[in-house]
Amino acid sequence: MHKMMGRVAALVFAGSLALAGCAGSNGDVGTPGQPGNDGNDGFPGFSTASGLHIELTSVTINPDNTVSVRFKMKDDRGYPVDRNGVYSINDPTKPIAPRFGIAYIT
């Protein structure tokens, strides 16, 4: 027990010594580097679209008889639409809430 307390005290002392040794003033600012290459064009921001296209990619009936639907949403210009409105023009305070109906006909 006494040995362990000595080790803990040594670790605390070493840690405080290391932290004190890290303090110092900032050095001089270095020379600026070369400019980088131009990036790729992104999607047009806040474009107006008049339609929403939904593509069903899979429909699965799960073992508990619930149904899972995977889909993609795009505007009429072919740009992706995200449900929460982070990357697309829909209002982020009113996320898109898709709902699907399914029927079993005999």
PDB file of N, CA and C in Angstrom:
ATOM      1  N   MET A   1       0.832  -1.191   0.000  1.00  0.00           N
ATOM      2  CA  MET A   1       0.000   0.000   0.000  1.00  0.00           C
ATOM      3  C   MET A   1       0.876   1.253   0.000  1.00  0.00           C
ATOM      4  N   HIS A   2       1.942   1.224   0.848  1.00  0.00           N
ATOM      5  CA  HIS A   2       2.836   2.368   0.936  1.00  0.00           C
ATOM      6  C   HIS A   2       3.565   2.581  -0.395  1.00  0.00           C
ATOM      7  N   LYS A   3       3.940   1.452  -1.047  1.00  0.00           N
ATOM      8  CA  LYS A   3       4.611   1.537  -2.343  1.00  0.00           C
ATOM      9  C   LYS A   3       3.701   2.178  -3.392  1.00  0.00           C
ATOM     10  N   MET A   4       2.435   1.788  -3.349  1.00  0.00           N
ATOM     11  CA  MET A   4       1.466   2.310  -4.319  1.00  0.00           C
ATOM     12  C   MET A   4       1.263   3.806  -4.136  1.00  0.00           C
ATOM     13  N   MET A   5       1.187   4.261  -2.915  1.00  0.00           N
ATOM     14  CA  MET A   5       1.020   5.695  -2.641  1.00  0.00           C
ATOM     15  C   MET A   5       2.228   6.473  -3.152  1.00  0.00           C
ATOM     16  N   GLY A   6       3.424   5.891  -2.989  1.00  0.00           N
ATOM     17  CA  GLY A   6       4.633   6.526  -3.481  1.00  0.00           C
ATOM     18  C   GLY A   6       4.628   6.638  -4.996  1.00  0.00           C
ATOM     19  N   ARG A   7       4.127   5.594  -5.677  1.00  0.00           N
ATOM     20  CA  ARG A   7       4.045   5.618  -7.142  1.00  0.00           C
ATOM     21  C   ARG A   7       3.036   6.658  -7.619  1.00  0.00           C
ATOM     22  N   VAL A   8       1.910   6.727  -6.946  1.00  0.00           N
ATOM     23  CA  VAL A   8       0.888   7.719  -7.305  1.00  0.00           C
ATOM     24  C   VAL A   8       1.444   9.127  -7.121  1.00  0.00           C
ATOM     25  N   ALA A   9       2.137   9.360  -6.008  1.00  0.00           N
ATOM     26  CA  ALA A   9       2.724  10.683  -5.757  1.00  0.00           C
ATOM     27  C   ALA A   9       3.761  11.013  -6.828  1.00  0.00           C
ATOM     28  N   ALA A  10       4.563  10.015  -7.238  1.00  0.00           N
ATOM     29  CA  ALA A  10       5.576  10.244  -8.270  1.00  0.00           C
ATOM     30  C   ALA A  10       4.918  10.570  -9.605  1.00  0.00           C
ATOM     31  N   LEU A  11       3.818   9.879  -9.935  1.00  0.00           N
ATOM     32  CA  LEU A  11       3.105  10.155 -11.188  1.00  0.00           C
ATOM     33  C   LEU A  11       2.489  11.544 -11.181  1.00  0.00           C
ATOM     34  N   VAL A  12       1.905  11.941 -10.059  1.00  0.00           N
ATOM     35  CA  VAL A  12       1.317  13.277  -9.949  1.00  0.00           C
ATOM     36  C   VAL A  12       2.401  14.338 -10.089  1.00  0.00           C
ATOM     37  N   PHE A  13       3.527  14.127  -9.452  1.00  0.00           N
ATOM     38  CA  PHE A  13       4.637  15.072  -9.541  1.00  0.00           C
ATOM     39  C   PHE A  13       5.160  15.154 -10.978  1.00  0.00           C
ATOM     40  N   ALA A  14       5.327  14.003 -11.641  1.00  0.00           N
ATOM     41  CA  ALA A  14       5.819  13.985 -13.025  1.00  0.00           C
ATOM     42  C   ALA A  14       4.829  14.677 -13.959  1.00  0.00           C
ATOM     43  N   GLY A  15       3.535  14.453 -13.731  1.00  0.00           N
ATOM     44  CA  GLY A  15       2.515  15.099 -14.566  1.00  0.00           C
ATOM     45  C   GLY A  15       2.513  16.600 -14.401  1.00  0.00           C
ATOM     46  N   SER A  16       2.617  17.064 -13.160  1.00  0.00           N
ATOM     47  CA  SER A  16       2.631  18.513 -12.930  1.00  0.00           C
ATOM     48  C   SER A  16       3.900  19.139 -13.494  1.00  0.00           C
ATOM     49  N   LEU A  17       5.014  18.427 -13.414  1.00  0.00           N
ATOM     50  CA  LEU A  17       6.272  18.915 -13.978  1.00  0.00           C
ATOM     51  C   LEU A  17       6.170  19.011 -15.502  1.00  0.00           C
ATOM     52  N   ALA A  18       5.543  18.004 -16.125  1.00  0.00           N
ATOM     53  CA  ALA A  18       5.374  18.010 -17.581  1.00  0.00           C
ATOM     54  C   ALA A  18       4.472  19.157 -18.011  1.00  0.00           C
ATOM     55  N   LEU A  19       3.390  19.386 -17.282  1.00  0.00           N
ATOM     56  CA  LEU A  19       2.482  20.486 -17.630  1.00  0.00           C
ATOM     57  C   LEU A  19       3.159  21.835 -17.463  1.00  0.00           C
ATOM     58  N   ALA A  20       3.966  21.999 -16.426  1.00  0.00           N
ATOM     59  CA  ALA A  20       4.666  23.261 -16.209  1.00  0.00           C
ATOM     60  C   ALA A  20       5.711  23.484 -17.291  1.00  0.00           C
ATOM     61  N   GLY A  21       6.336  22.412 -17.774  1.00  0.00           N
ATOM     62  CA  GLY A  21       7.347  22.536 -18.820  1.00  0.00           C
ATOM     63  C   GLY A  21       6.762  22.871 -20.166  1.00  0.00           C
ATOM     64  N   CYS A  22       5.463  22.661 -20.374  1.00  0.00           N
ATOM     65  CA  CYS A  22       4.823  22.936 -21.655  1.00  0.00           C
ATOM     66  C   CYS A  22       4.450  24.398 -21.820  1.00  0.00           C
ATOM     67  N   ALA A  23       4.437  25.151 -20.760  1.00  0.00           N
ATOM     68  CA  ALA A  23       4.032  26.556 -20.845  1.00  0.00           C
ATOM     69  C   ALA A  23       5.152  27.368 -21.474  1.00  0.00           C
ATOM     70  N   GLY A  24       4.783  28.326 -22.272  1.00  0.00           N
ATOM     71  CA  GLY A  24       5.774  29.191 -22.903  1.00  0.00           C
ATOM     72  C   GLY A  24       5.076  30.159 -23.842  1.00  0.00           C
ATOM     73  N   SER A  25       5.830  31.096 -24.364  1.00  0.00           N
ATOM     74  CA  SER A  25       5.227  32.058 -25.280  1.00  0.00           C
ATOM     75  C   SER A  25       5.221  31.492 -26.688  1.00  0.00           C
ATOM     76  N   ASN A  26       4.329  32.014 -27.521  1.00  0.00           N
ATOM     77  CA  ASN A  26       4.244  31.592 -28.913  1.00  0.00           C
ATOM     78  C   ASN A  26       5.437  32.127 -29.686  1.00  0.00           C
ATOM     79  N   GLY A  27       5.854  31.382 -30.686  1.00  0.00           N
ATOM     80  CA  GLY A  27       6.973  31.800 -31.528  1.00  0.00           C
ATOM     81  C   GLY A  27       6.519  32.770 -32.608  1.00  0.00           C
ATOM     82  N   ASP A  28       7.466  33.166 -33.452  1.00  0.00           N
ATOM     83  CA  ASP A  28       7.159  34.063 -34.559  1.00  0.00           C
ATOM     84  C   ASP A  28       6.289  33.346 -35.582  1.00  0.00           C
ATOM     85  N   VAL A  29       5.518  34.142 -36.305  1.00  0.00           N
ATOM     86  CA  VAL A  29       4.663  33.608 -37.349  1.00  0.00           C
ATOM     87  C   VAL A  29       5.535  33.188 -38.529  1.00  0.00           C
ATOM     88  N   GLY A  30       5.255  32.029 -39.105  1.00  0.00           N
ATOM     89  CA  GLY A  30       6.018  31.538 -40.240  1.00  0.00           C
ATOM     90  C   GLY A  30       5.604  32.214 -41.536  1.00  0.00           C
ATOM     91  N   THR A  31       6.330  31.917 -42.597  1.00  0.00           N
ATOM     92  CA  THR A  31       6.008  32.492 -43.909  1.00  0.00           C
ATOM     93  C   THR A  31       4.813  31.755 -44.493  1.00  0.00           C
ATOM     94  N   PRO A  32       3.944  32.469 -45.221  1.00  0.00           N
ATOM     95  CA  PRO A  32       2.767  31.820 -45.825  1.00  0.00           C
ATOM     96  C   PRO A  32       3.188  30.786 -46.870  1.00  0.00           C
ATOM     97  N   GLY A  33       2.413  29.740 -47.005  1.00  0.00           N
ATOM     98  CA  GLY A  33       2.677  28.700 -47.998  1.00  0.00           C
ATOM     99  C   GLY A  33       2.104  29.081 -49.355  1.00  0.00           C
ATOM    100  N   GLN A  34       2.303  28.195 -50.310  1.00  0.00           N
ATOM    101  CA  GLN A  34       1.777  28.398 -51.661  1.00  0.00           C
ATOM    102  C   GLN A  34       0.267  28.200 -51.666  1.00  0.00           C
ATOM    103  N   PRO A  35      -0.458  28.943 -52.519  1.00  0.00           N
ATOM    104  CA  PRO A  35      -1.908  28.733 -52.596  1.00  0.00           C
ATOM    105  C   PRO A  35      -2.227  27.336 -53.130  1.00  0.00           C
ATOM    106  N   GLY A  36      -3.311  26.779 -52.682  1.00  0.00           N
ATOM    107  CA  GLY A  36      -3.724  25.447 -53.123  1.00  0.00           C
ATOM    108  C   GLY A  36      -4.452  25.487 -54.452  1.00  0.00           C
ATOM    109  N   ASN A  37      -4.747  24.317 -54.975  1.00  0.00           N
ATOM    110  CA  ASN A  37      -5.492  24.204 -56.225  1.00  0.00           C
ATOM    111  C   ASN A  37      -6.954  24.556 -55.995  1.00  0.00           C
ATOM    112  N   ASP A  38      -7.617  25.021 -57.057  1.00  0.00           N
ATOM    113  CA  ASP A  38      -9.046  25.299 -56.981  1.00  0.00           C
ATOM    114  C   ASP A  38      -9.802  23.993 -56.760  1.00  0.00           C
ATOM    115  N   GLY A  39     -10.854  24.045 -55.983  1.00  0.00           N
ATOM    116  CA  GLY A  39     -11.676  22.865 -55.733  1.00  0.00           C
ATOM    117  C   GLY A  39     -12.696  22.649 -56.828  1.00  0.00           C
ATOM    118  N   ASN A  40     -13.429  21.549 -56.716  1.00  0.00           N
ATOM    119  CA  ASN A  40     -14.492  21.241 -57.672  1.00  0.00           C
ATOM    120  C   ASN A  40     -15.707  22.108 -57.386  1.00  0.00           C
ATOM    121  N   ASP A  41     -16.483  22.375 -58.424  1.00  0.00           N
ATOM    122  CA  ASP A  41     -17.725  23.118 -58.241  1.00  0.00           C
ATOM    123  C   ASP A  41     -18.683  22.294 -57.390  1.00  0.00           C
ATOM    124  N   GLY A  42     -19.366  22.941 -56.482  1.00  0.00           N
ATOM    125  CA  GLY A  42     -20.343  22.267 -55.640  1.00  0.00           C
ATOM    126  C   GLY A  42     -21.735  22.393 -56.214  1.00  0.00           C
ATOM    127  N   PHE A  43     -22.709  21.980 -55.445  1.00  0.00           N
ATOM    128  CA  PHE A  43     -24.096  22.123 -55.860  1.00  0.00           C
ATOM    129  C   PHE A  43     -24.493  23.584 -55.755  1.00  0.00           C
ATOM    130  N   PRO A  44     -25.355  24.060 -56.632  1.00  0.00           N
ATOM    131  CA  PRO A  44     -25.800  25.449 -56.514  1.00  0.00           C
ATOM    132  C   PRO A  44     -26.566  25.641 -55.210  1.00  0.00           C
ATOM    133  N   GLY A  45     -26.263  26.686 -54.492  1.00  0.00           N
ATOM    134  CA  GLY A  45     -26.908  26.926 -53.208  1.00  0.00           C
ATOM    135  C   GLY A  45     -28.278  27.535 -53.356  1.00  0.00           C
ATOM    136  N   PHE A  46     -29.192  27.060 -52.586  1.00  0.00           N
ATOM    137  CA  PHE A  46     -30.543  27.596 -52.503  1.00  0.00           C
ATOM    138  C   PHE A  46     -31.198  27.767 -53.871  1.00  0.00           C
ATOM    139  N   SER A  47     -31.108  26.723 -54.675  1.00  0.00           N
ATOM    140  CA  SER A  47     -31.797  26.774 -55.963  1.00  0.00           C
ATOM    141  C   SER A  47     -33.282  26.541 -55.736  1.00  0.00           C
ATOM    142  N   THR A  48     -34.080  27.069 -56.600  1.00  0.00           N
ATOM    143  CA  THR A  48     -35.519  26.855 -56.483  1.00  0.00           C
ATOM    144  C   THR A  48     -35.906  25.675 -57.349  1.00  0.00           C
ATOM    145  N   ALA A  49     -36.716  24.834 -56.831  1.00  0.00           N
ATOM    146  CA  ALA A  49     -37.178  23.662 -57.551  1.00  0.00           C
ATOM    147  C   ALA A  49     -38.685  23.572 -57.413  1.00  0.00           C
ATOM    148  N   SER A  50     -39.307  22.989 -58.403  1.00  0.00           N
ATOM    149  CA  SER A  50     -40.766  22.934 -58.364  1.00  0.00           C
ATOM    150  C   SER A  50     -41.305  21.544 -58.084  1.00  0.00           C
ATOM    151  N   GLY A  51     -40.436  20.582 -57.881  1.00  0.00           N
ATOM    152  CA  GLY A  51     -40.947  19.240 -57.650  1.00  0.00           C
ATOM    153  C   GLY A  51     -40.031  18.403 -56.797  1.00  0.00           C
ATOM    154  N   LEU A  52     -40.566  17.313 -56.311  1.00  0.00           N
ATOM    155  CA  LEU A  52     -39.816  16.376 -55.485  1.00  0.00           C
ATOM    156  C   LEU A  52     -39.987  14.998 -56.093  1.00  0.00           C
ATOM    157  N   HIS A  53     -38.873  14.326 -56.367  1.00  0.00           N
ATOM    158  CA  HIS A  53     -38.904  12.991 -56.948  1.00  0.00           C
ATOM    159  C   HIS A  53     -38.397  12.010 -55.904  1.00  0.00           C
ATOM    160  N   ILE A  54     -39.176  10.974 -55.654  1.00  0.00           N
ATOM    161  CA  ILE A  54     -38.811   9.959 -54.674  1.00  0.00           C
ATOM    162  C   ILE A  54     -38.610   8.644 -55.404  1.00  0.00           C
ATOM    163  N   GLU A  55     -37.445   8.040 -55.195  1.00  0.00           N
ATOM    164  CA  GLU A  55     -37.117   6.755 -55.799  1.00  0.00           C
ATOM    165  C   GLU A  55     -37.012   5.716 -54.685  1.00  0.00           C
ATOM    166  N   LEU A  56     -37.892   4.727 -54.723  1.00  0.00           N
ATOM    167  CA  LEU A  56     -37.819   3.640 -53.746  1.00  0.00           C
ATOM    168  C   LEU A  56     -36.674   2.726 -54.144  1.00  0.00           C
ATOM    169  N   THR A  57     -35.744   2.501 -53.225  1.00  0.00           N
ATOM    170  CA  THR A  57     -34.605   1.626 -53.520  1.00  0.00           C
ATOM    171  C   THR A  57     -34.804   0.229 -52.946  1.00  0.00           C
ATOM    172  N   SER A  58     -35.587   0.094 -51.881  1.00  0.00           N
ATOM    173  CA  SER A  58     -35.914  -1.244 -51.359  1.00  0.00           C
ATOM    174  C   SER A  58     -37.082  -1.155 -50.397  1.00  0.00           C
ATOM    175  N   VAL A  59     -37.848  -2.233 -50.372  1.00  0.00           N
ATOM    176  CA  VAL A  59     -38.939  -2.389 -49.412  1.00  0.00           C
ATOM    177  C   VAL A  59     -38.755  -3.771 -48.796  1.00  0.00           C
ATOM    178  N   THR A  60     -38.728  -3.829 -47.461  1.00  0.00           N
ATOM    179  CA  THR A  60     -38.469  -5.086 -46.768  1.00  0.00           C
ATOM    180  C   THR A  60     -39.550  -5.332 -45.719  1.00  0.00           C
ATOM    181  N   ILE A  61     -40.071  -6.550 -45.701  1.00  0.00           N
ATOM    182  CA  ILE A  61     -40.982  -6.952 -44.624  1.00  0.00           C
ATOM    183  C   ILE A  61     -40.126  -7.679 -43.598  1.00  0.00           C
ATOM    184  N   ASN A  62     -40.038  -7.121 -42.414  1.00  0.00           N
ATOM    185  CA  ASN A  62     -39.196  -7.651 -41.346  1.00  0.00           C
ATOM    186  C   ASN A  62     -39.874  -8.837 -40.660  1.00  0.00           C
ATOM    187  N   PRO A  63     -39.123  -9.656 -39.917  1.00  0.00           N
ATOM    188  CA  PRO A  63     -39.707 -10.815 -39.219  1.00  0.00           C
ATOM    189  C   PRO A  63     -40.847 -10.455 -38.267  1.00  0.00           C
ATOM    190  N   ASP A  64     -40.833  -9.213 -37.728  1.00  0.00           N
ATOM    191  CA  ASP A  64     -41.919  -8.813 -36.819  1.00  0.00           C
ATOM    192  C   ASP A  64     -43.087  -8.171 -37.573  1.00  0.00           C
ATOM    193  N   ASN A  65     -43.109  -8.334 -38.916  1.00  0.00           N
ATOM    194  CA  ASN A  65     -44.161  -7.827 -39.810  1.00  0.00           C
ATOM    195  C   ASN A  65     -44.193  -6.307 -39.937  1.00  0.00           C
ATOM    196  N   THR A  66     -43.154  -5.612 -39.484  1.00  0.00           N
ATOM    197  CA  THR A  66     -43.043  -4.190 -39.800  1.00  0.00           C
ATOM    198  C   THR A  66     -42.394  -4.070 -41.175  1.00  0.00           C
ATOM    199  N   VAL A  67     -42.586  -2.925 -41.800  1.00  0.00           N
ATOM    200  CA  VAL A  67     -42.068  -2.721 -43.146  1.00  0.00           C
ATOM    201  C   VAL A  67     -41.008  -1.624 -43.111  1.00  0.00           C
ATOM    202  N   SER A  68     -39.863  -1.880 -43.742  1.00  0.00           N
ATOM    203  CA  SER A  68     -38.797  -0.882 -43.864  1.00  0.00           C
ATOM    204  C   SER A  68     -38.731  -0.433 -45.323  1.00  0.00           C
ATOM    205  N   VAL A  69     -38.667   0.881 -45.519  1.00  0.00           N
ATOM    206  CA  VAL A  69     -38.596   1.447 -46.864  1.00  0.00           C
ATOM    207  C   VAL A  69     -37.338   2.293 -46.957  1.00  0.00           C
ATOM    208  N   ARG A  70     -36.505   2.035 -47.962  1.00  0.00           N
ATOM    209  CA  ARG A  70     -35.324   2.860 -48.251  1.00  0.00           C
ATOM    210  C   ARG A  70     -35.627   3.617 -49.533  1.00  0.00           C
ATOM    211  N   PHE A  71     -35.274   4.908 -49.546  1.00  0.00           N
ATOM    212  CA  PHE A  71     -35.597   5.723 -50.707  1.00  0.00           C
ATOM    213  C   PHE A  71     -34.605   6.859 -50.847  1.00  0.00           C
ATOM    214  N   LYS A  72     -34.602   7.478 -52.034  1.00  0.00           N
ATOM    215  CA  LYS A  72     -33.797   8.668 -52.309  1.00  0.00           C
ATOM    216  C   LYS A  72     -34.739   9.779 -52.727  1.00  0.00           C
ATOM    217  N   MET A  73     -34.434  11.010 -52.283  1.00  0.00           N
ATOM    218  CA  MET A  73     -35.229  12.176 -52.667  1.00  0.00           C
ATOM    219  C   MET A  73     -34.360  13.131 -53.472  1.00  0.00           C
ATOM    220  N   LYS A  74     -34.893  13.610 -54.598  1.00  0.00           N
ATOM    221  CA  LYS A  74     -34.200  14.601 -55.427  1.00  0.00           C
ATOM    222  C   LYS A  74     -35.205  15.648 -55.857  1.00  0.00           C
ATOM    223  N   ASP A  75     -34.689  16.858 -56.142  1.00  0.00           N
ATOM    224  CA  ASP A  75     -35.582  17.880 -56.680  1.00  0.00           C
ATOM    225  C   ASP A  75     -35.724  17.656 -58.181  1.00  0.00           C
ATOM    226  N   ASP A  76     -36.519  18.502 -58.847  1.00  0.00           N
ATOM    227  CA  ASP A  76     -36.784  18.290 -60.268  1.00  0.00           C
ATOM    228  C   ASP A  76     -35.560  18.546 -61.149  1.00  0.00           C
ATOM    229  N   ARG A  77     -34.491  19.113 -60.579  1.00  0.00           N
ATOM    230  CA  ARG A  77     -33.253  19.312 -61.327  1.00  0.00           C
ATOM    231  C   ARG A  77     -32.266  18.172 -61.090  1.00  0.00           C
ATOM    232  N   GLY A  78     -32.634  17.205 -60.237  1.00  0.00           N
ATOM    233  CA  GLY A  78     -31.789  16.042 -59.992  1.00  0.00           C
ATOM    234  C   GLY A  78     -30.855  16.184 -58.801  1.00  0.00           C
ATOM    235  N   TYR A  79     -30.964  17.289 -58.052  1.00  0.00           N
ATOM    236  CA  TYR A  79     -30.104  17.478 -56.891  1.00  0.00           C
ATOM    237  C   TYR A  79     -30.710  16.795 -55.669  1.00  0.00           C
ATOM    238  N   PRO A  80     -29.875  16.163 -54.833  1.00  0.00           N
ATOM    239  CA  PRO A  80     -30.392  15.479 -53.640  1.00  0.00           C
ATOM    240  C   PRO A  80     -31.089  16.451 -52.686  1.00  0.00           C
ATOM    241  N   VAL A  81     -32.102  15.956 -52.022  1.00  0.00           N
ATOM    242  CA  VAL A  81     -32.826  16.721 -50.999  1.00  0.00           C
ATOM    243  C   VAL A  81     -32.674  15.949 -49.695  1.00  0.00           C
ATOM    244  N   ASP A  82     -32.169  16.621 -48.661  1.00  0.00           N
ATOM    245  CA  ASP A  82     -32.057  15.934 -47.376  1.00  0.00           C
ATOM    246  C   ASP A  82     -33.288  16.210 -46.540  1.00  0.00           C
ATOM    247  N   ARG A  83     -33.674  15.235 -45.768  1.00  0.00           N
ATOM    248  CA  ARG A  83     -34.913  15.287 -44.987  1.00  0.00           C
ATOM    249  C   ARG A  83     -34.926  16.429 -43.980  1.00  0.00           C
ATOM    250  N   ASN A  84     -33.766  16.755 -43.396  1.00  0.00           N
ATOM    251  CA  ASN A  84     -33.711  17.766 -42.342  1.00  0.00           C
ATOM    252  C   ASN A  84     -33.467  19.175 -42.846  1.00  0.00           C
ATOM    253  N   GLY A  85     -33.243  19.369 -44.142  1.00  0.00           N
ATOM    254  CA  GLY A  85     -33.055  20.712 -44.676  1.00  0.00           C
ATOM    255  C   GLY A  85     -31.713  21.334 -44.378  1.00  0.00           C
ATOM    256  N   VAL A  86     -30.715  20.534 -44.058  1.00  0.00           N
ATOM    257  CA  VAL A  86     -29.384  21.061 -43.756  1.00  0.00           C
ATOM    258  C   VAL A  86     -28.669  21.442 -45.048  1.00  0.00           C
ATOM    259  N   TYR A  87     -28.752  20.576 -46.065  1.00  0.00           N
ATOM    260  CA  TYR A  87     -28.025  20.799 -47.306  1.00  0.00           C
ATOM    261  C   TYR A  87     -28.928  21.218 -48.461  1.00  0.00           C
ATOM    262  N   SER A  88     -30.195  21.279 -48.268  1.00  0.00           N
ATOM    263  CA  SER A  88     -31.127  21.648 -49.334  1.00  0.00           C
ATOM    264  C   SER A  88     -32.016  22.792 -48.858  1.00  0.00           C
ATOM    265  N   ILE A  89     -32.876  23.269 -49.732  1.00  0.00           N
ATOM    266  CA  ILE A  89     -33.606  24.513 -49.482  1.00  0.00           C
ATOM    267  C   ILE A  89     -34.805  24.359 -48.543  1.00  0.00           C
ATOM    268  N   ASN A  90     -35.251  23.129 -48.257  1.00  0.00           N
ATOM    269  CA  ASN A  90     -36.413  23.000 -47.383  1.00  0.00           C
ATOM    270  C   ASN A  90     -36.133  23.577 -45.995  1.00  0.00           C
ATOM    271  N   ASP A  91     -37.169  24.015 -45.346  1.00  0.00           N
ATOM    272  CA  ASP A  91     -37.082  24.703 -44.059  1.00  0.00           C
ATOM    273  C   ASP A  91     -36.587  23.748 -42.967  1.00  0.00           C
ATOM    274  N   PRO A  92     -35.395  24.019 -42.356  1.00  0.00           N
ATOM    275  CA  PRO A  92     -34.869  23.104 -41.336  1.00  0.00           C
ATOM    276  C   PRO A  92     -35.714  23.019 -40.072  1.00  0.00           C
ATOM    277  N   THR A  93     -36.612  24.007 -39.863  1.00  0.00           N
ATOM    278  CA  THR A  93     -37.483  23.919 -38.682  1.00  0.00           C
ATOM    279  C   THR A  93     -38.680  23.014 -38.938  1.00  0.00           C
ATOM    280  N   LYS A  94     -38.882  22.633 -40.205  1.00  0.00           N
ATOM    281  CA  LYS A  94     -39.980  21.741 -40.567  1.00  0.00           C
ATOM    282  C   LYS A  94     -39.432  20.618 -41.440  1.00  0.00           C
ATOM    283  N   PRO A  95     -38.763  19.631 -40.839  1.00  0.00           N
ATOM    284  CA  PRO A  95     -38.179  18.561 -41.645  1.00  0.00           C
ATOM    285  C   PRO A  95     -39.241  17.790 -42.422  1.00  0.00           C
ATOM    286  N   ILE A  96     -38.838  17.277 -43.572  1.00  0.00           N
ATOM    287  CA  ILE A  96     -39.738  16.463 -44.382  1.00  0.00           C
ATOM    288  C   ILE A  96     -39.993  15.165 -43.624  1.00  0.00           C
ATOM    289  N   ALA A  97     -41.247  14.809 -43.462  1.00  0.00           N
ATOM    290  CA  ALA A  97     -41.615  13.603 -42.722  1.00  0.00           C
ATOM    291  C   ALA A  97     -42.354  12.653 -43.665  1.00  0.00           C
ATOM    292  N   PRO A  98     -41.604  11.866 -44.440  1.00  0.00           N
ATOM    293  CA  PRO A  98     -42.273  10.977 -45.393  1.00  0.00           C
ATOM    294  C   PRO A  98     -43.070   9.882 -44.686  1.00  0.00           C
ATOM    295  N   ARG A  99     -44.208   9.548 -45.273  1.00  0.00           N
ATOM    296  CA  ARG A  99     -45.046   8.489 -44.770  1.00  0.00           C
ATOM    297  C   ARG A  99     -45.468   7.624 -45.956  1.00  0.00           C
ATOM    298  N   PHE A 100     -45.499   6.346 -45.749  1.00  0.00           N
ATOM    299  CA  PHE A 100     -45.856   5.419 -46.810  1.00  0.00           C
ATOM    300  C   PHE A 100     -47.039   4.586 -46.371  1.00  0.00           C
ATOM    301  N   GLY A 101     -47.941   4.331 -47.302  1.00  0.00           N
ATOM    302  CA  GLY A 101     -49.064   3.453 -47.036  1.00  0.00           C
ATOM    303  C   GLY A 101     -48.829   2.125 -47.724  1.00  0.00           C
ATOM    304  N   ILE A 102     -49.261   1.064 -47.097  1.00  0.00           N
ATOM    305  CA  ILE A 102     -49.112  -0.264 -47.681  1.00  0.00           C
ATOM    306  C   ILE A 102     -50.397  -1.020 -47.476  1.00  0.00           C
ATOM    307  N   ALA A 103     -50.756  -1.805 -48.467  1.00  0.00           N
ATOM    308  CA  ALA A 103     -52.002  -2.567 -48.386  1.00  0.00           C
ATOM    309  C   ALA A 103     -51.730  -3.998 -48.819  1.00  0.00           C
ATOM    310  N   TYR A 104     -52.541  -4.889 -48.304  1.00  0.00           N
ATOM    311  CA  TYR A 104     -52.469  -6.295 -48.683  1.00  0.00           C
ATOM    312  C   TYR A 104     -53.815  -6.640 -49.295  1.00  0.00           C
ATOM    313  N   ILE A 105     -53.778  -6.994 -50.576  1.00  0.00           N
ATOM    314  CA  ILE A 105     -55.014  -7.302 -51.295  1.00  0.00           C
ATOM    315  C   ILE A 105     -55.037  -8.790 -51.580  1.00  0.00           C
ATOM    316  N   THR A 106     -56.168  -9.429 -51.250  1.00  0.00           N
ATOM    317  CA  THR A 106     -56.269 -10.861 -51.507  1.00  0.00           C
ATOM    318  C   THR A 106     -57.223 -11.123 -52.633  1.00  0.00           C
TER     319      THR A 106
END
